[in-house]
Amino acid sequence: MCLRYSLFLIFFFLISLQGFAKKTGDVSELQIGVKYKPKTCEIQAHKGDRIKVHYRGKLTDGTVFDSSFERGDPFEFELGSGQVIKGWDQGLLGACVGEKRKLKIPAKLGYGEQGSPPTIPGGATLIFDTELIAVNEKPAGGEEEEDDGEDEEGHGDDEL
């Protein structure tokens, strides 16, 4: 009887731990969720590309610690060169211009055990809602439009 009771307690304890881990939202490996993908993917992000990304960074409790969306100013960096946390360098590879991804980044691919005080505690899993705006200065739809001083009907600025 004592053995059954002990096994029951151990089983209950393990189930409780599993439930706690799920509630905290922590992850041990990078998770990439594609929330929106354009119908056509003309331009993809590769290592060495200069990319522009809008993002909202949150902790697992929902606290927003940074957001380029609210500032209206996407972040630009060279993908795969170590200019950002590893979770971004890995999580945005292969994304299409216009694609929206949710990245769940474990601490080891984020700010580690030291965190980034005061906003990001040590050991924190980070959640980023991202939108790839441009690759090598090319936005969705291919080449950037150049302003040649003419409107759609071929009239120059001084002809209107």
Protein backbone atom coordinates (compact mmCIF):
# COMPACT_ATOMS: atom_id res chain seq x y z
CA MET A 1 0.00 0.00 0.00
CA CYS A 2 2.83 2.39 0.84
CA LEU A 3 4.44 1.76 -2.56
CA ARG A 4 1.19 2.57 -4.37
CA TYR A 5 0.81 5.76 -2.39
CA SER A 6 4.41 6.78 -3.17
CA LEU A 7 3.95 6.10 -6.87
CA PHE A 8 0.74 8.11 -6.83
CA LEU A 9 2.50 11.08 -5.20
CA ILE A 10 5.38 10.93 -7.68
CA PHE A 11 2.95 10.74 -10.60
CA PHE A 12 0.90 13.65 -9.23
CA PHE A 13 4.06 15.71 -8.71
CA LEU A 14 5.25 15.11 -12.28
CA ILE A 15 1.84 16.04 -13.71
CA SER A 16 1.84 19.21 -11.60
CA LEU A 17 5.29 20.20 -12.89
CA GLN A 18 4.22 19.64 -16.48
CA GLY A 19 1.16 21.83 -15.98
CA PHE A 20 3.28 24.56 -14.39
CA ALA A 21 5.73 24.57 -17.30
CA LYS A 22 2.87 24.95 -19.77
CA LYS A 23 1.31 27.80 -17.78
CA THR A 24 4.50 29.83 -17.71
CA GLY A 25 4.83 29.69 -21.50
CA ASP A 26 8.55 29.02 -21.33
CA VAL A 27 10.09 27.12 -24.24
CA SER A 28 13.38 25.23 -24.47
CA GLU A 29 13.76 25.47 -28.27
CA LEU A 30 12.98 28.17 -30.84
CA GLN A 31 9.38 28.01 -32.04
CA ILE A 32 8.41 29.71 -35.31
CA GLY A 33 4.76 30.27 -36.09
CA VAL A 34 3.84 31.67 -39.50
CA LYS A 35 0.80 33.91 -38.92
CA TYR A 36 0.56 35.30 -42.45
CA LYS A 37 2.36 34.42 -45.68
CA PRO A 38 1.91 36.40 -48.92
CA LYS A 39 0.37 34.54 -51.88
CA THR A 40 3.65 34.91 -53.75
CA CYS A 41 7.08 35.00 -52.19
CA GLU A 42 9.21 37.02 -54.57
CA ILE A 43 11.84 38.00 -52.01
CA GLN A 44 13.08 35.82 -49.14
CA ALA A 45 15.44 36.72 -46.31
CA HIS A 46 18.82 34.96 -46.38
CA LYS A 47 21.95 35.16 -44.27
CA GLY A 48 23.81 38.38 -45.06
CA ASP A 49 20.71 40.24 -46.29
CA ARG A 50 19.91 43.64 -44.81
CA ILE A 51 16.33 43.33 -43.55
CA LYS A 52 13.72 45.68 -42.07
CA VAL A 53 11.40 44.19 -39.47
CA HIS A 54 8.49 45.52 -37.46
CA TYR A 55 8.19 43.75 -34.11
CA ARG A 56 6.46 43.63 -30.76
CA GLY A 57 8.44 41.96 -27.98
CA LYS A 58 6.62 40.43 -25.01
CA LEU A 59 7.37 38.35 -21.97
CA THR A 60 5.35 35.16 -21.38
CA ASP A 61 3.05 37.05 -18.98
CA GLY A 62 2.07 39.37 -21.84
CA THR A 63 4.14 42.37 -20.73
CA VAL A 64 5.30 44.30 -23.82
CA PHE A 65 8.91 45.40 -23.40
CA ASP A 66 9.50 46.96 -26.84
CA SER A 67 7.61 47.61 -30.06
CA SER A 68 8.60 49.15 -33.37
CA PHE A 69 4.92 49.10 -34.41
CA GLU A 70 4.07 51.76 -31.83
CA ARG A 71 7.08 53.87 -32.84
CA GLY A 72 6.28 53.48 -36.54
CA ASP A 73 9.95 52.73 -37.17
CA PRO A 74 10.95 49.20 -38.29
CA PHE A 75 14.29 47.84 -37.11
CA GLU A 76 16.99 47.27 -39.75
CA PHE A 77 19.92 44.86 -39.44
CA GLU A 78 22.04 42.31 -41.30
CA LEU A 79 20.53 38.84 -40.91
CA GLY A 80 22.83 36.13 -39.55
CA SER A 81 25.66 38.45 -38.56
CA GLY A 82 25.11 38.47 -34.80
CA GLN A 83 23.77 42.04 -34.66
CA VAL A 84 20.64 40.76 -32.88
CA ILE A 85 19.77 37.90 -30.55
CA LYS A 86 20.24 34.41 -32.00
CA GLY A 87 16.50 33.74 -31.93
CA TRP A 88 15.99 36.53 -34.47
CA ASP A 89 18.92 35.48 -36.67
CA GLN A 90 17.48 31.96 -36.83
CA GLY A 91 13.77 32.74 -36.66
CA LEU A 92 13.63 35.17 -39.58
CA LEU A 93 15.68 33.10 -42.05
CA GLY A 94 13.60 32.22 -45.10
CA ALA A 95 10.83 34.69 -44.30
CA CYS A 96 9.13 36.38 -47.28
CA VAL A 97 8.68 40.13 -47.52
CA GLY A 98 5.24 40.78 -46.03
CA GLU A 99 5.31 37.60 -43.93
CA LYS A 100 4.24 37.75 -40.29
CA ARG A 101 5.79 35.35 -37.79
CA LYS A 102 5.48 34.72 -34.08
CA LEU A 103 8.82 33.74 -32.58
CA LYS A 104 8.97 32.08 -29.17
CA ILE A 105 12.60 32.35 -28.16
CA PRO A 106 14.15 30.45 -25.25
CA ALA A 107 16.53 32.34 -22.97
CA LYS A 108 19.56 30.58 -24.47
CA LEU A 109 18.76 32.21 -27.86
CA GLY A 110 17.68 35.50 -26.27
CA TYR A 111 19.34 37.34 -23.41
CA GLY A 112 20.35 34.26 -21.42
CA GLU A 113 20.43 33.93 -17.67
CA GLN A 114 21.58 37.54 -17.23
CA GLY A 115 18.57 39.04 -19.05
CA SER A 116 18.54 42.68 -20.08
CA PRO A 117 17.62 44.66 -16.95
CA PRO A 118 15.41 46.32 -16.08
CA THR A 119 12.85 45.18 -18.70
CA ILE A 120 13.87 41.57 -19.42
CA PRO A 121 14.53 39.29 -16.45
CA GLY A 122 17.21 36.61 -16.51
CA GLY A 123 16.16 33.29 -18.04
CA ALA A 124 13.17 34.85 -19.80
CA THR A 125 11.45 33.28 -22.79
CA LEU A 126 10.73 36.04 -25.31
CA ILE A 127 7.77 36.26 -27.67
CA PHE A 128 8.07 38.41 -30.78
CA ASP A 129 5.31 39.22 -33.26
CA THR A 130 7.27 40.15 -36.40
CA GLU A 131 6.53 41.42 -39.89
CA LEU A 132 9.24 41.43 -42.56
CA ILE A 133 8.97 44.81 -44.28
CA ALA A 134 11.90 44.73 -46.74
CA VAL A 135 14.97 42.74 -47.80
CA ASN A 136 17.92 44.71 -49.18
CA GLU A 137 15.62 47.76 -49.37
CA LYS A 138 13.09 45.90 -51.56
CA PRO A 139 9.58 46.00 -50.05
CA ALA A 140 6.68 43.68 -50.88
CA GLY A 141 5.83 43.68 -54.57
CA GLY A 142 9.40 43.59 -55.86
CA GLU A 143 11.43 46.62 -56.83
CA GLU A 144 11.08 49.89 -54.98
CA GLU A 145 9.17 52.49 -56.92
CA GLU A 146 11.28 55.41 -57.95
CA ASP A 147 9.79 58.88 -58.02
CA ASP A 148 10.62 60.21 -61.47
CA GLY A 149 8.62 63.37 -60.92
CA GLU A 150 5.72 62.18 -63.08
CA ASP A 151 2.26 61.06 -62.05
CA GLU A 152 0.44 58.00 -63.48
CA GLU A 153 -0.54 59.95 -66.61
CA GLY A 154 3.01 61.01 -67.41
CA HIS A 155 2.70 64.59 -66.22
CA GLY A 156 5.69 66.12 -64.49
CA ASP A 157 5.44 68.02 -61.19
CA ASP A 158 5.35 71.38 -62.96
CA GLU A 159 2.71 70.30 -65.52
CA LEU A 160 -0.22 69.98 -63.10
